[in-house]
């Protein structure tokens, strides 16, 4: 959807410049200003809610490690690329992998007693 929207906005700007049509150029400018304001507002919101965003990302990584990694090839490859690029491992550390499906732990048979080890 975002790609389609950007294509339409780019087309309006290009077409307006070729035809020297001020209406299309004005419409293009208005859309670009709306996108700029939305990006600034998103950045300010993300900065103000940094702790909540960090918590959300960690929970998402935990979910991926526990349930999806190793089962879905696309998810596995993307997650490997992210970890390689960011030079990180799991949500907090390598210990995140102790209770993962990739490590052979079934979610239903999982029992946390405070001690975990990689098999």
C-alpha atoms as a PDB file:
ATOM      1  CA  UNK A   1       0.000   0.000   0.000  1.00  0.00           C
ATOM      2  CA  UNK A   2       2.811   2.402   0.875  1.00  0.00           C
ATOM      3  CA  UNK A   3       4.611   1.589  -2.373  1.00  0.00           C
ATOM      4  CA  UNK A   4       1.460   2.186  -4.398  1.00  0.00           C
ATOM      5  CA  UNK A   5       0.863   5.507  -2.633  1.00  0.00           C
ATOM      6  CA  UNK A   6       4.448   6.641  -3.300  1.00  0.00           C
ATOM      7  CA  UNK A   7       4.146   5.588  -6.947  1.00  0.00           C
ATOM      8  CA  UNK A   8       0.992   7.671  -7.387  1.00  0.00           C
ATOM      9  CA  UNK A   9       2.579  10.681  -5.680  1.00  0.00           C
ATOM     10  CA  UNK A  10       5.705  10.331  -7.822  1.00  0.00           C
ATOM     11  CA  UNK A  11       3.568  10.050 -10.939  1.00  0.00           C
ATOM     12  CA  UNK A  12       1.692  13.240 -10.016  1.00  0.00           C
ATOM     13  CA  UNK A  13       4.957  15.110  -9.572  1.00  0.00           C
ATOM     14  CA  UNK A  14       6.514  13.779 -12.768  1.00  0.00           C
ATOM     15  CA  UNK A  15       3.403  14.365 -14.848  1.00  0.00           C
ATOM     16  CA  UNK A  16       2.970  17.843 -13.394  1.00  0.00           C
ATOM     17  CA  UNK A  17       6.575  18.756 -14.168  1.00  0.00           C
ATOM     18  CA  UNK A  18       6.367  17.441 -17.751  1.00  0.00           C
ATOM     19  CA  UNK A  19       3.125  19.285 -18.500  1.00  0.00           C
ATOM     20  CA  UNK A  20       4.047  22.301 -16.352  1.00  0.00           C
ATOM     21  CA  UNK A  21       0.692  21.830 -14.627  1.00  0.00           C
ATOM     22  CA  UNK A  22       0.597  23.758 -11.356  1.00  0.00           C
ATOM     23  CA  UNK A  23      -2.433  21.835 -10.086  1.00  0.00           C
ATOM     24  CA  UNK A  24      -0.599  18.481 -10.258  1.00  0.00           C
ATOM     25  CA  UNK A  25       2.568  20.002  -8.819  1.00  0.00           C
ATOM     26  CA  UNK A  26       0.560  21.559  -5.988  1.00  0.00           C
ATOM     27  CA  UNK A  27      -1.152  18.239  -5.266  1.00  0.00           C
ATOM     28  CA  UNK A  28       2.230  16.517  -5.254  1.00  0.00           C
ATOM     29  CA  UNK A  29       3.585  19.131  -2.829  1.00  0.00           C
ATOM     30  CA  UNK A  30       0.611  18.737  -0.477  1.00  0.00           C
ATOM     31  CA  UNK A  31       0.991  14.943  -0.402  1.00  0.00           C
ATOM     32  CA  UNK A  32       4.733  15.232   0.227  1.00  0.00           C
ATOM     33  CA  UNK A  33       4.097  17.659   3.101  1.00  0.00           C
ATOM     34  CA  UNK A  34       1.530  15.283   4.627  1.00  0.00           C
ATOM     35  CA  UNK A  35       4.058  12.435   4.446  1.00  0.00           C
ATOM     36  CA  UNK A  36       6.760  14.635   6.007  1.00  0.00           C
ATOM     37  CA  UNK A  37       4.479  15.651   8.895  1.00  0.00           C
ATOM     38  CA  UNK A  38       3.456  12.010   9.433  1.00  0.00           C
ATOM     39  CA  UNK A  39       7.109  10.908   9.544  1.00  0.00           C
ATOM     40  CA  UNK A  40       8.004  13.631  12.036  1.00  0.00           C
ATOM     41  CA  UNK A  41       4.966  12.780  14.190  1.00  0.00           C
ATOM     42  CA  UNK A  42       5.916   9.076  14.064  1.00  0.00           C
ATOM     43  CA  UNK A  43       9.478   9.864  15.094  1.00  0.00           C
ATOM     44  CA  UNK A  44       8.339  12.035  18.010  1.00  0.00           C
ATOM     45  CA  UNK A  45       5.860   9.354  19.123  1.00  0.00           C
ATOM     46  CA  UNK A  46       8.524   6.641  18.919  1.00  0.00           C
ATOM     47  CA  UNK A  47      10.933   8.780  20.942  1.00  0.00           C
ATOM     48  CA  UNK A  48       8.317   9.458  23.618  1.00  0.00           C
ATOM     49  CA  UNK A  49       7.326   5.768  23.824  1.00  0.00           C
ATOM     50  CA  UNK A  50      10.813   4.297  23.544  1.00  0.00           C
ATOM     51  CA  UNK A  51      10.413   1.946  26.524  1.00  0.00           C
ATOM     52  CA  UNK A  52       7.105   0.549  25.250  1.00  0.00           C
ATOM     53  CA  UNK A  53       8.570   0.124  21.757  1.00  0.00           C
ATOM     54  CA  UNK A  54      11.620  -1.670  23.142  1.00  0.00           C
ATOM     55  CA  UNK A  55       9.360  -3.980  25.165  1.00  0.00           C
ATOM     56  CA  UNK A  56       7.241  -4.690  22.070  1.00  0.00           C
ATOM     57  CA  UNK A  57      10.299  -5.536  19.961  1.00  0.00           C
ATOM     58  CA  UNK A  58      11.728  -7.842  22.649  1.00  0.00           C
ATOM     59  CA  UNK A  59       8.413  -9.671  23.003  1.00  0.00           C
ATOM     60  CA  UNK A  60       8.211 -10.080  19.226  1.00  0.00           C
ATOM     61  CA  UNK A  61      11.739 -11.504  19.122  1.00  0.00           C
ATOM     62  CA  UNK A  62      10.929 -13.884  22.006  1.00  0.00           C
ATOM     63  CA  UNK A  63       7.825 -15.074  20.140  1.00  0.00           C
ATOM     64  CA  UNK A  64       9.813 -15.635  16.941  1.00  0.00           C
ATOM     65  CA  UNK A  65      12.573 -17.525  18.757  1.00  0.00           C
ATOM     66  CA  UNK A  66      10.167 -19.749  20.709  1.00  0.00           C
ATOM     67  CA  UNK A  67       7.622 -20.625  18.051  1.00  0.00           C
ATOM     68  CA  UNK A  68       8.575 -19.726  14.492  1.00  0.00           C
ATOM     69  CA  UNK A  69      12.347 -20.053  14.122  1.00  0.00           C
ATOM     70  CA  UNK A  70      13.345 -23.242  12.351  1.00  0.00           C
ATOM     71  CA  UNK A  71       9.802 -24.067  11.249  1.00  0.00           C
ATOM     72  CA  UNK A  72       9.340 -21.432   8.547  1.00  0.00           C
ATOM     73  CA  UNK A  73      12.230 -21.027   6.094  1.00  0.00           C
ATOM     74  CA  UNK A  74      11.492 -17.374   5.281  1.00  0.00           C
ATOM     75  CA  UNK A  75      11.262 -16.396   8.956  1.00  0.00           C
ATOM     76  CA  UNK A  76      14.433 -18.335   9.738  1.00  0.00           C
ATOM     77  CA  UNK A  77      16.438 -16.692   6.943  1.00  0.00           C
ATOM     78  CA  UNK A  78      15.214 -13.187   7.795  1.00  0.00           C
ATOM     79  CA  UNK A  79      15.889 -13.682  11.508  1.00  0.00           C
ATOM     80  CA  UNK A  80      19.391 -15.037  10.757  1.00  0.00           C
ATOM     81  CA  UNK A  81      20.123 -12.015   8.551  1.00  0.00           C
ATOM     82  CA  UNK A  82      18.944  -9.599  11.262  1.00  0.00           C
ATOM     83  CA  UNK A  83      21.062 -11.299  13.928  1.00  0.00           C
ATOM     84  CA  UNK A  84      24.112 -11.387  11.657  1.00  0.00           C
ATOM     85  CA  UNK A  85      23.730  -7.727  10.666  1.00  0.00           C
ATOM     86  CA  UNK A  86      23.072  -6.417  14.193  1.00  0.00           C
ATOM     87  CA  UNK A  87      25.548  -8.869  15.753  1.00  0.00           C
ATOM     88  CA  UNK A  88      23.005  -9.976  18.351  1.00  0.00           C
ATOM     89  CA  UNK A  89      21.489 -13.210  19.537  1.00  0.00           C
ATOM     90  CA  UNK A  90      17.918 -13.736  20.750  1.00  0.00           C
ATOM     91  CA  UNK A  91      15.839 -11.196  22.681  1.00  0.00           C
ATOM     92  CA  UNK A  92      18.319 -10.531  25.496  1.00  0.00           C
ATOM     93  CA  UNK A  93      21.147 -13.025  25.001  1.00  0.00           C
ATOM     94  CA  UNK A  94      21.946 -16.531  23.816  1.00  0.00           C
ATOM     95  CA  UNK A  95      19.824 -17.857  26.709  1.00  0.00           C
ATOM     96  CA  UNK A  96      16.703 -16.890  24.734  1.00  0.00           C
ATOM     97  CA  UNK A  97      17.272 -20.011  22.649  1.00  0.00           C
ATOM     98  CA  UNK A  98      17.028 -22.396  25.643  1.00  0.00           C
ATOM     99  CA  UNK A  99      13.230 -22.635  25.400  1.00  0.00           C
ATOM    100  CA  UNK A 100      12.874 -22.537  21.638  1.00  0.00           C
ATOM    101  CA  UNK A 101      11.294 -24.987  19.241  1.00  0.00           C
ATOM    102  CA  UNK A 102      14.578 -24.899  17.305  1.00  0.00           C
ATOM    103  CA  UNK A 103      16.281 -26.280  20.419  1.00  0.00           C
ATOM    104  CA  UNK A 104      13.773 -29.134  20.573  1.00  0.00           C
ATOM    105  CA  UNK A 105      11.606 -27.761  23.390  1.00  0.00           C
ATOM    106  CA  UNK A 106       7.880 -28.244  22.885  1.00  0.00           C
ATOM    107  CA  UNK A 107       5.759 -25.352  24.141  1.00  0.00           C
ATOM    108  CA  UNK A 108       3.238 -27.696  25.814  1.00  0.00           C
ATOM    109  CA  UNK A 109       5.845 -29.700  27.672  1.00  0.00           C
ATOM    110  CA  UNK A 110       7.821 -26.680  28.767  1.00  0.00           C
ATOM    111  CA  UNK A 111       8.380 -26.265  32.495  1.00  0.00           C
ATOM    112  CA  UNK A 112      10.402 -23.372  33.850  1.00  0.00           C
ATOM    113  CA  UNK A 113      12.217 -24.114  37.101  1.00  0.00           C
ATOM    114  CA  UNK A 114      14.720 -21.313  36.938  1.00  0.00           C
ATOM    115  CA  UNK A 115      17.471 -23.343  35.336  1.00  0.00           C
ATOM    116  CA  UNK A 116      17.785 -23.707  31.602  1.00  0.00           C
ATOM    117  CA  UNK A 117      20.413 -25.261  29.419  1.00  0.00           C
ATOM    118  CA  UNK A 118      20.914 -25.620  25.712  1.00  0.00           C
ATOM    119  CA  UNK A 119      20.693 -29.184  24.470  1.00  0.00           C
END
